[in-house]
């Protein structure tokens, strides 16, 4: 009996050794390769190694240069501490995988009974027992743990892409806020000049109190909007700082003064949906959940009658000093609990995971359609401002200036034309911001990082931003 038990234990230990061969570092390498194929170039798990020092140096180098969309995303995936905490899920899942391959420790029992009369020797009962069924269930438990590790890797990869996209969106909002602030400054200056003109005319008796009060209200409104724009810039920058995980000593980074211009982004809905269903890591995690629940159901069915069966050795010493030694076997009698609750529960979890996967597929398709529509509409709106309204407002201002020089119109009309031009510029910046945010949201919806231009000087033809078949195949 003991030889059989030890042989089974040695076989289990051999399988355990194979299970523990994969380290958490190799599991993280899988995540790194996965997100690299989706457009995120470098990801590091901070474990106080030499590579971590290199990553910190890379972050400082990026922060010392003018930041771009790609730079802020890279800094975030290297430096965001919430993301670093998420990486530990891999270590936890890896530990669970090792634990799933281990036998439970044998149980040692000892009882001592002292007689109250002759013979006076103490009665001793010793037993050692081990659940030998664990040996047969270890492969199934390890398979479940392997699926859970794969699910953890998918969740971590999804979080990497989410942080990268969120940081890009926050950076776009900051750049737009900074650009709008400059417009608000010019509007405030124009309003102040208009008020000064009104003051002089009012003092000379050339305009009435109503016209003067109207100019005062306009100038006050411009100052309030300027203060609000300044607050928006501070708030947006702080959000970027938080996502990048920068310290107080790293807050002096600089960004381009303007958002990049529009670029042609070909994003057929059907292709974008195909990319999303292939690359979305939360969907991959949902697929792994189906596998986990399927294997859990199989294990539950296997253990419904006998989840435990202990084999061991018992030894007892009688009060006369004689020892009796022999094997022991114990197992539950399935009279009441035959898995009537456990199996339907696991079956329900399996059906639930399938339904959630199907629901996620529907949701992802809808998200991609919405993102494509939003991007198309934002692109059209921004082009109307850029190509139609803004040139018209520029011409109106030029003509008003000529009429003012010829004393056909007054200063108020000239200042109003200037304010209308600034208002058109403001709306264009807002529409440009919405376009870039829509592009980033399309990345999030597809789970694939687009090659977007990084600076205002980037030429449209060099963006490579089209989500086309060629780009899709290159990703493979």
Protein backbone atom coordinates (compact mmCIF):
# COMPACT_ATOMS: atom_id res chain seq x y z
CA UNK A 1 0.00 0.00 0.00
CA UNK A 2 2.75 2.46 0.99
CA UNK A 3 4.68 1.69 -2.19
CA UNK A 4 1.61 2.51 -4.30
CA UNK A 5 1.04 5.78 -2.44
CA UNK A 6 4.66 6.89 -2.79
CA UNK A 7 4.75 5.95 -6.48
CA UNK A 8 1.67 8.05 -7.13
CA UNK A 9 3.14 10.91 -5.11
CA UNK A 10 6.39 10.83 -7.10
CA UNK A 11 4.46 10.87 -10.37
CA UNK A 12 2.51 13.88 -9.16
CA UNK A 13 5.70 15.65 -8.12
CA UNK A 14 7.13 15.09 -11.59
CA UNK A 15 4.07 16.69 -13.15
CA UNK A 16 4.33 19.56 -10.65
CA UNK A 17 7.90 20.23 -11.68
CA UNK A 18 6.76 20.59 -15.29
CA UNK A 19 3.96 22.92 -14.22
CA UNK A 20 6.24 25.24 -12.29
CA UNK A 21 8.69 25.57 -15.15
CA UNK A 22 6.98 28.64 -16.61
CA UNK A 23 7.78 31.75 -14.58
CA UNK A 24 5.68 34.86 -14.22
CA UNK A 25 8.33 36.69 -16.28
CA UNK A 26 7.71 34.40 -19.26
CA UNK A 27 3.96 34.90 -18.82
CA UNK A 28 4.48 38.67 -18.88
CA UNK A 29 6.58 38.29 -22.03
CA UNK A 30 3.47 36.83 -23.66
CA UNK A 31 1.55 39.96 -22.67
CA UNK A 32 4.34 42.19 -23.97
CA UNK A 33 4.35 40.44 -27.34
CA UNK A 34 0.59 40.60 -27.54
CA UNK A 35 0.32 44.35 -26.96
CA UNK A 36 3.32 44.98 -29.21
CA UNK A 37 1.43 43.33 -32.06
CA UNK A 38 -1.41 45.77 -31.32
CA UNK A 39 0.71 48.89 -31.54
CA UNK A 40 2.18 49.44 -28.04
CA UNK A 41 5.97 49.21 -28.52
CA UNK A 42 7.43 48.77 -25.01
CA UNK A 43 5.87 47.48 -21.78
CA UNK A 44 7.82 46.87 -18.56
CA UNK A 45 6.85 45.21 -15.31
CA UNK A 46 8.61 47.07 -12.51
CA UNK A 47 10.36 44.45 -10.39
CA UNK A 48 13.36 46.57 -9.32
CA UNK A 49 15.61 45.16 -12.01
CA UNK A 50 18.19 46.77 -14.30
CA UNK A 51 15.58 46.93 -17.06
CA UNK A 52 13.36 48.98 -14.76
CA UNK A 53 16.12 51.56 -14.42
CA UNK A 54 16.32 51.68 -18.23
CA UNK A 55 12.54 52.19 -18.41
CA UNK A 56 12.75 55.05 -15.89
CA UNK A 57 15.52 56.65 -17.97
CA UNK A 58 13.37 56.26 -21.09
CA UNK A 59 10.46 58.00 -19.33
CA UNK A 60 12.70 60.91 -18.33
CA UNK A 61 14.03 61.18 -21.88
CA UNK A 62 10.50 61.30 -23.29
CA UNK A 63 9.45 63.91 -20.75
CA UNK A 64 12.39 66.12 -21.66
CA UNK A 65 11.20 66.33 -25.28
CA UNK A 66 8.02 67.81 -26.72
CA UNK A 67 5.34 65.22 -26.02
CA UNK A 68 3.20 63.61 -28.72
CA UNK A 69 0.29 61.18 -28.70
CA UNK A 70 2.64 58.22 -28.93
CA UNK A 71 5.00 59.57 -26.27
CA UNK A 72 2.35 60.05 -23.60
CA UNK A 73 0.96 56.58 -24.26
CA UNK A 74 4.46 55.10 -23.97
CA UNK A 75 5.13 56.95 -20.72
CA UNK A 76 1.83 55.76 -19.27
CA UNK A 77 2.40 52.06 -20.00
CA UNK A 78 5.87 52.33 -18.49
CA UNK A 79 5.07 54.52 -15.52
CA UNK A 80 1.39 54.24 -14.56
CA UNK A 81 1.33 52.70 -11.08
CA UNK A 82 -2.23 51.44 -11.34
CA UNK A 83 -1.14 49.51 -14.43
CA UNK A 84 1.88 48.17 -12.55
CA UNK A 85 -0.52 46.93 -9.88
CA UNK A 86 -2.57 45.20 -12.60
CA UNK A 87 0.56 43.38 -13.77
CA UNK A 88 0.61 41.59 -10.41
CA UNK A 89 -2.48 39.69 -11.54
CA UNK A 90 -0.10 37.64 -13.65
CA UNK A 91 1.97 36.79 -10.59
CA UNK A 92 -1.17 35.83 -8.68
CA UNK A 93 -2.45 33.64 -11.51
CA UNK A 94 0.99 32.07 -11.90
CA UNK A 95 1.04 31.26 -8.18
CA UNK A 96 -2.43 29.72 -8.47
CA UNK A 97 -1.14 27.57 -11.32
CA UNK A 98 1.70 26.29 -9.16
CA UNK A 99 -0.69 25.71 -6.27
CA UNK A 100 -3.05 23.72 -8.51
CA UNK A 101 -0.25 21.23 -9.18
CA UNK A 102 0.51 20.57 -5.52
CA UNK A 103 -0.79 17.71 -3.41
CA UNK A 104 -2.44 18.59 -0.16
CA UNK A 105 -0.25 17.93 2.86
CA UNK A 106 -0.79 14.60 4.65
CA UNK A 107 -2.70 14.78 7.92
CA UNK A 108 -1.06 13.51 11.11
CA UNK A 109 -3.31 12.39 13.99
CA UNK A 110 -2.19 11.69 17.53
CA UNK A 111 -4.29 10.74 20.51
CA UNK A 112 -3.08 9.85 23.99
CA UNK A 113 -5.23 8.22 26.68
CA UNK A 114 -4.01 7.56 30.21
CA UNK A 115 -5.53 4.55 32.03
CA UNK A 116 -6.77 4.94 35.61
CA UNK A 117 -5.67 1.47 36.63
CA UNK A 118 -3.41 -1.48 35.78
CA UNK A 119 -1.91 -2.06 33.34
CA UNK A 120 -0.63 1.46 33.64
CA UNK A 121 0.97 2.06 30.26
CA UNK A 122 -0.37 5.02 28.25
CA UNK A 123 -2.61 4.25 25.28
CA UNK A 124 -1.26 5.94 22.11
CA UNK A 125 -2.98 6.15 18.71
CA UNK A 126 -1.03 7.54 15.70
CA UNK A 127 -2.25 7.96 12.15
CA UNK A 128 -1.02 9.53 8.91
CA UNK A 129 -3.45 9.87 5.98
CA UNK A 130 -3.30 11.42 2.53
CA UNK A 131 -6.09 12.21 0.08
CA UNK A 132 -4.87 10.08 -2.83
CA UNK A 133 -7.65 11.23 -5.20
CA UNK A 134 -5.83 14.58 -5.44
CA UNK A 135 -3.26 12.84 -7.58
CA UNK A 136 -5.87 12.03 -10.23
CA UNK A 137 -7.50 15.48 -10.15
CA UNK A 138 -4.29 17.50 -10.36
CA UNK A 139 -4.22 17.54 -14.22
CA UNK A 140 -7.80 18.88 -14.36
CA UNK A 141 -7.12 21.50 -11.69
CA UNK A 142 -3.95 22.54 -13.46
CA UNK A 143 -5.78 22.92 -16.77
CA UNK A 144 -8.26 25.25 -15.08
CA UNK A 145 -5.39 27.24 -13.56
CA UNK A 146 -3.70 27.47 -16.97
CA UNK A 147 -6.91 28.89 -18.45
CA UNK A 148 -7.11 31.36 -15.56
CA UNK A 149 -3.53 32.45 -16.25
CA UNK A 150 -4.39 32.95 -19.93
CA UNK A 151 -7.42 34.96 -18.87
CA UNK A 152 -5.27 37.10 -16.56
CA UNK A 153 -2.84 37.78 -19.40
CA UNK A 154 -5.71 38.87 -21.63
CA UNK A 155 -7.10 41.17 -18.92
CA UNK A 156 -3.67 42.72 -18.35
CA UNK A 157 -3.14 43.25 -22.09
CA UNK A 158 -6.55 44.93 -22.31
CA UNK A 159 -5.64 47.21 -19.41
CA UNK A 160 -2.39 48.21 -21.13
CA UNK A 161 -4.30 49.27 -24.24
CA UNK A 162 -6.96 51.03 -22.15
CA UNK A 163 -4.37 53.06 -20.25
CA UNK A 164 -2.58 53.97 -23.48
CA UNK A 165 -5.82 55.14 -25.13
CA UNK A 166 -7.08 56.97 -22.04
CA UNK A 167 -3.79 58.84 -21.80
CA UNK A 168 -3.93 59.81 -25.45
CA UNK A 169 -7.48 61.13 -25.03
CA UNK A 170 -6.48 63.12 -21.94
CA UNK A 171 -3.51 64.55 -23.83
CA UNK A 172 -5.75 65.53 -26.77
CA UNK A 173 -8.08 67.29 -24.35
CA UNK A 174 -5.13 69.11 -22.80
CA UNK A 175 -3.77 70.25 -26.16
CA UNK A 176 -7.23 71.46 -27.21
CA UNK A 177 -7.72 73.25 -23.89
CA UNK A 178 -4.36 75.00 -24.29
CA UNK A 179 -5.21 76.02 -27.85
CA UNK A 180 -8.64 77.29 -26.78
CA UNK A 181 -6.99 79.27 -23.99
CA UNK A 182 -4.95 81.21 -26.53
CA UNK A 183 -8.12 82.01 -28.48
CA UNK A 184 -9.85 83.11 -25.28
CA UNK A 185 -6.91 85.41 -24.52
CA UNK A 186 -7.26 87.06 -27.93
CA UNK A 187 -11.04 87.32 -27.46
CA UNK A 188 -10.53 88.95 -24.06
CA UNK A 189 -8.07 91.41 -25.57
CA UNK A 190 -10.55 92.23 -28.34
CA UNK A 191 -13.33 92.69 -25.80
CA UNK A 192 -11.11 94.94 -23.69
CA UNK A 193 -10.28 97.05 -26.75
CA UNK A 194 -13.97 97.24 -27.64
CA UNK A 195 -14.81 98.35 -24.11
CA UNK A 196 -12.11 101.02 -24.17
CA UNK A 197 -13.50 102.36 -27.46
CA UNK A 198 -16.99 102.35 -25.97
CA UNK A 199 -15.75 104.21 -22.89
CA UNK A 200 -14.24 106.97 -24.98
CA UNK A 201 -17.37 107.26 -27.12
CA UNK A 202 -19.59 107.25 -24.04
CA UNK A 203 -17.51 109.97 -22.37
CA UNK A 204 -17.83 112.00 -25.57
CA UNK A 205 -21.59 111.48 -25.56
CA UNK A 206 -21.57 109.54 -28.85
CA UNK A 207 -23.20 106.35 -27.45
CA UNK A 208 -25.87 105.93 -24.82
CA UNK A 209 -25.69 104.09 -21.51
CA UNK A 210 -27.27 100.93 -22.91
CA UNK A 211 -24.58 100.50 -25.57
CA UNK A 212 -21.84 101.13 -23.01
CA UNK A 213 -23.31 98.68 -20.50
CA UNK A 214 -23.62 96.09 -23.27
CA UNK A 215 -19.89 96.43 -24.00
CA UNK A 216 -19.09 96.15 -20.30
CA UNK A 217 -21.10 92.94 -20.05
CA UNK A 218 -19.37 91.56 -23.13
CA UNK A 219 -15.93 92.33 -21.70
CA UNK A 220 -16.88 90.79 -18.35
CA UNK A 221 -18.13 87.65 -20.11
CA UNK A 222 -14.85 87.39 -22.03
CA UNK A 223 -12.83 87.61 -18.79
CA UNK A 224 -14.96 84.92 -17.17
CA UNK A 225 -14.54 82.63 -20.17
CA UNK A 226 -10.79 83.25 -20.07
CA UNK A 227 -10.65 82.26 -16.38
CA UNK A 228 -12.68 79.13 -17.14
CA UNK A 229 -10.31 78.26 -20.01
CA UNK A 230 -7.30 78.63 -17.71
CA UNK A 231 -8.93 76.30 -15.17
CA UNK A 232 -9.69 73.78 -17.92
CA UNK A 233 -6.05 73.73 -18.98
CA UNK A 234 -4.90 73.08 -15.40
CA UNK A 235 -7.47 70.34 -14.91
CA UNK A 236 -6.64 68.66 -18.23
CA UNK A 237 -2.91 68.76 -17.55
CA UNK A 238 -3.40 67.27 -14.10
CA UNK A 239 -5.36 64.41 -15.65
CA UNK A 240 -2.50 63.71 -18.05
CA UNK A 241 -0.02 63.83 -15.15
CA UNK A 242 -2.10 61.30 -13.23
CA UNK A 243 -2.35 58.84 -16.14
CA UNK A 244 1.35 59.12 -16.95
CA UNK A 245 2.18 58.57 -13.27
CA UNK A 246 4.73 61.38 -13.17
CA UNK A 247 6.21 62.69 -9.95
CA UNK A 248 6.32 66.31 -8.78
CA UNK A 249 9.80 66.65 -10.24
CA UNK A 250 8.52 65.62 -13.69
CA UNK A 251 5.69 68.13 -14.08
CA UNK A 252 7.54 70.52 -16.39
CA UNK A 253 6.90 68.58 -19.60
CA UNK A 254 5.88 70.45 -22.73
CA UNK A 255 3.50 69.65 -25.55
CA UNK A 256 2.98 70.98 -29.04
CA UNK A 257 1.02 74.24 -29.03
CA UNK A 258 -1.55 72.94 -31.51
CA UNK A 259 -3.37 69.74 -32.26
CA UNK A 260 -2.30 67.97 -35.45
CA UNK A 261 -4.43 68.71 -38.49
CA UNK A 262 -7.03 66.34 -39.87
CA UNK A 263 -5.93 63.27 -41.76
CA UNK A 264 -7.69 60.76 -43.93
CA UNK A 265 -8.63 57.69 -41.91
CA UNK A 266 -10.21 54.91 -43.92
CA UNK A 267 -12.08 52.75 -41.45
CA UNK A 268 -14.60 50.42 -43.12
CA UNK A 269 -16.99 49.25 -40.44
CA UNK A 270 -16.84 45.58 -41.42
CA UNK A 271 -13.04 45.55 -41.32
CA UNK A 272 -12.94 47.47 -38.06
CA UNK A 273 -15.35 44.94 -36.53
CA UNK A 274 -13.20 42.08 -37.78
CA UNK A 275 -10.11 43.63 -36.20
CA UNK A 276 -11.99 44.22 -32.94
CA UNK A 277 -13.20 40.62 -32.69
CA UNK A 278 -9.64 39.43 -33.25
CA UNK A 279 -7.70 41.89 -31.10
CA UNK A 280 -9.98 42.90 -28.20
CA UNK A 281 -8.37 41.35 -25.16
CA UNK A 282 -11.48 41.64 -22.99
CA UNK A 283 -13.19 39.42 -25.54
CA UNK A 284 -10.27 37.01 -25.33
CA UNK A 285 -10.70 36.98 -21.55
CA UNK A 286 -14.39 36.19 -22.02
CA UNK A 287 -13.47 33.25 -24.27
CA UNK A 288 -11.10 31.98 -21.58
CA UNK A 289 -13.92 32.25 -19.03
CA UNK A 290 -15.99 29.83 -21.12
CA UNK A 291 -13.08 27.37 -21.14
CA UNK A 292 -12.62 27.77 -17.37
CA UNK A 293 -16.28 27.12 -16.60
CA UNK A 294 -16.35 24.17 -19.02
CA UNK A 295 -13.38 22.53 -17.29
CA UNK A 296 -14.82 23.38 -13.87
CA UNK A 297 -18.03 21.58 -14.85
CA UNK A 298 -16.05 18.51 -15.90
CA UNK A 299 -14.13 18.49 -12.62
CA UNK A 300 -17.33 18.89 -10.62
CA UNK A 301 -18.90 15.94 -12.43
CA UNK A 302 -15.81 13.83 -11.77
CA UNK A 303 -15.79 14.58 -8.06
CA UNK A 304 -19.55 14.61 -7.40
CA UNK A 305 -19.49 11.33 -5.45
CA UNK A 306 -15.96 11.07 -4.10
CA UNK A 307 -14.17 14.36 -3.64
CA UNK A 308 -12.04 12.89 -0.88
CA UNK A 309 -10.61 9.44 -0.21
CA UNK A 310 -7.84 9.18 2.35
CA UNK A 311 -5.30 6.39 2.52
CA UNK A 312 -2.69 6.11 5.23
CA UNK A 313 -1.19 4.17 8.11
CA UNK A 314 -2.52 3.81 11.67
CA UNK A 315 -0.55 2.65 14.65
CA UNK A 316 -1.77 2.16 18.19
CA UNK A 317 -0.12 1.06 21.36
CA UNK A 318 -2.30 -0.76 23.83
CA UNK A 319 -1.96 -0.38 27.58
CA UNK A 320 -0.08 -3.69 27.68
CA UNK A 321 2.66 -2.15 25.48
CA UNK A 322 1.80 -4.04 22.31
CA UNK A 323 1.81 -2.04 19.00
CA UNK A 324 -0.68 -2.66 16.24
CA UNK A 325 0.14 -1.19 12.83
CA UNK A 326 -1.87 -1.32 9.60
CA UNK A 327 -3.22 0.59 6.61
CA UNK A 328 -6.22 2.90 6.83
CA UNK A 329 -8.77 3.98 4.24
CA UNK A 330 -11.58 6.49 4.57
CA UNK A 331 -13.99 7.99 2.07
CA UNK A 332 -17.34 9.77 2.24
CA UNK A 333 -20.57 7.87 1.61
CA UNK A 334 -22.61 9.90 -0.93
CA UNK A 335 -25.99 9.36 0.68
CA UNK A 336 -27.10 12.98 0.73
CA UNK A 337 -24.73 15.17 -1.28
CA UNK A 338 -24.40 13.78 -4.79
CA UNK A 339 -23.65 17.09 -6.45
CA UNK A 340 -27.33 18.05 -6.80
CA UNK A 341 -26.43 21.69 -6.16
CA UNK A 342 -22.85 21.90 -7.36
CA UNK A 343 -23.46 20.58 -10.88
CA UNK A 344 -26.45 22.82 -11.76
CA UNK A 345 -24.53 25.77 -10.32
CA UNK A 346 -21.51 25.07 -12.52
CA UNK A 347 -23.75 24.46 -15.52
CA UNK A 348 -25.41 27.83 -14.90
CA UNK A 349 -22.00 29.52 -14.71
CA UNK A 350 -21.03 27.95 -18.02
CA UNK A 351 -24.24 29.15 -19.68
CA UNK A 352 -23.76 32.56 -18.09
CA UNK A 353 -20.23 32.88 -19.46
CA UNK A 354 -21.44 31.93 -22.95
CA UNK A 355 -24.23 34.50 -22.83
CA UNK A 356 -21.82 37.18 -21.60
CA UNK A 357 -19.45 36.37 -24.43
CA UNK A 358 -22.26 36.66 -26.98
CA UNK A 359 -23.41 39.92 -25.40
CA UNK A 360 -19.85 41.27 -25.55
CA UNK A 361 -19.60 40.40 -29.25
CA UNK A 362 -22.81 42.33 -29.91
CA UNK A 363 -21.59 45.23 -27.77
CA UNK A 364 -18.20 45.36 -29.49
CA UNK A 365 -19.81 45.42 -32.93
CA UNK A 366 -22.04 48.27 -31.77
CA UNK A 367 -19.08 50.15 -30.24
CA UNK A 368 -17.14 49.87 -33.49
CA UNK A 369 -20.08 51.09 -35.57
CA UNK A 370 -20.62 54.01 -33.19
CA UNK A 371 -16.90 54.87 -33.16
CA UNK A 372 -16.72 54.80 -36.97
CA UNK A 373 -19.82 56.98 -37.27
CA UNK A 374 -18.54 59.41 -34.67
CA UNK A 375 -15.18 59.64 -36.41
CA UNK A 376 -16.80 60.23 -39.80
CA UNK A 377 -19.11 62.91 -38.42
CA UNK A 378 -16.33 64.63 -36.48
CA UNK A 379 -14.17 64.63 -39.59
CA UNK A 380 -16.95 66.17 -41.68
CA UNK A 381 -17.71 68.81 -39.05
CA UNK A 382 -14.08 69.81 -38.63
CA UNK A 383 -13.62 70.09 -42.40
CA UNK A 384 -16.66 72.36 -42.70
CA UNK A 385 -15.20 74.70 -40.12
CA UNK A 386 -11.72 74.55 -41.63
CA UNK A 387 -12.63 74.72 -45.32
CA UNK A 388 -15.85 76.76 -45.28
CA UNK A 389 -16.56 78.91 -42.23
CA UNK A 390 -13.03 79.94 -41.22
CA UNK A 391 -12.02 81.18 -44.71
CA UNK A 392 -15.30 83.12 -44.90
CA UNK A 393 -14.72 84.73 -41.52
CA UNK A 394 -11.20 85.67 -42.58
CA UNK A 395 -12.60 87.36 -45.69
CA UNK A 396 -15.26 89.14 -43.64
CA UNK A 397 -12.59 90.46 -41.31
CA UNK A 398 -10.44 91.63 -44.23
CA UNK A 399 -13.38 93.41 -45.86
CA UNK A 400 -14.43 94.96 -42.57
CA UNK A 401 -10.89 96.23 -42.10
CA UNK A 402 -11.00 97.85 -45.55
CA UNK A 403 -14.38 99.42 -44.78
CA UNK A 404 -13.07 100.66 -41.45
CA UNK A 405 -10.04 102.21 -43.14
CA UNK A 406 -12.43 103.94 -45.51
CA UNK A 407 -14.54 105.07 -42.52
CA UNK A 408 -17.58 103.21 -43.85
CA UNK A 409 -17.93 101.14 -40.64
CA UNK A 410 -16.94 101.93 -37.10
CA UNK A 411 -14.57 100.32 -34.62
CA UNK A 412 -17.34 98.22 -33.08
CA UNK A 413 -18.05 96.49 -36.37
CA UNK A 414 -14.35 95.77 -36.85
CA UNK A 415 -14.00 94.36 -33.36
CA UNK A 416 -17.14 92.29 -33.83
CA UNK A 417 -15.72 90.83 -37.05
CA UNK A 418 -12.56 89.92 -35.15
CA UNK A 419 -14.59 88.25 -32.40
CA UNK A 420 -16.59 86.29 -34.98
CA UNK A 421 -13.33 85.10 -36.52
CA UNK A 422 -12.05 83.99 -33.10
CA UNK A 423 -15.34 82.23 -32.40
CA UNK A 424 -15.04 80.29 -35.68
CA UNK A 425 -11.46 79.33 -34.75
CA UNK A 426 -12.68 78.20 -31.34
CA UNK A 427 -15.34 75.96 -32.87
CA UNK A 428 -12.80 74.50 -35.26
CA UNK A 429 -10.43 73.61 -32.41
CA UNK A 430 -13.32 71.95 -30.58
CA UNK A 431 -14.29 69.97 -33.69
CA UNK A 432 -10.62 69.03 -34.26
CA UNK A 433 -10.41 67.87 -30.65
CA UNK A 434 -13.55 65.76 -31.15
CA UNK A 435 -12.03 64.25 -34.30
CA UNK A 436 -8.86 63.14 -32.51
CA UNK A 437 -10.80 61.84 -29.54
CA UNK A 438 -13.00 59.88 -31.94
CA UNK A 439 -9.89 58.39 -33.55
CA UNK A 440 -8.61 57.33 -30.12
CA UNK A 441 -12.01 55.88 -29.23
CA UNK A 442 -11.92 53.86 -32.44
CA UNK A 443 -8.60 52.45 -31.22
CA UNK A 444 -10.25 51.50 -27.97
CA UNK A 445 -13.23 49.93 -29.75
CA UNK A 446 -11.03 47.85 -32.07
CA UNK A 447 -8.31 47.05 -29.53
CA UNK A 448 -5.76 48.07 -32.12
CA UNK A 449 -3.52 51.14 -32.00
CA UNK A 450 -3.71 53.22 -35.16
CA UNK A 451 -0.57 54.86 -36.56
CA UNK A 452 -1.73 58.43 -36.03
CA UNK A 453 0.38 61.51 -36.83
CA UNK A 454 2.41 62.75 -33.90
CA UNK A 455 2.91 66.45 -34.56
CA UNK A 456 1.25 69.34 -36.40
CA UNK A 457 3.90 69.16 -39.12
CA UNK A 458 3.18 65.54 -40.00
CA UNK A 459 2.09 65.20 -43.60
CA UNK A 460 -1.23 63.51 -44.26
CA UNK A 461 0.27 61.06 -46.72
CA UNK A 462 2.75 59.78 -44.14
CA UNK A 463 0.29 59.03 -41.38
CA UNK A 464 -0.33 55.43 -42.26
CA UNK A 465 -3.49 55.89 -40.26
CA UNK A 466 -5.82 53.98 -42.55
CA UNK A 467 -7.24 50.91 -40.91
CA UNK A 468 -6.88 48.94 -44.12
CA UNK A 469 -6.08 45.39 -45.11
CA UNK A 470 -2.39 46.10 -45.53
CA UNK A 471 -2.10 47.49 -42.02
CA UNK A 472 -4.12 44.59 -40.68
CA UNK A 473 -1.88 42.00 -42.31
CA UNK A 474 1.27 43.76 -41.12
CA UNK A 475 0.00 43.47 -37.57
CA UNK A 476 0.01 39.70 -37.94
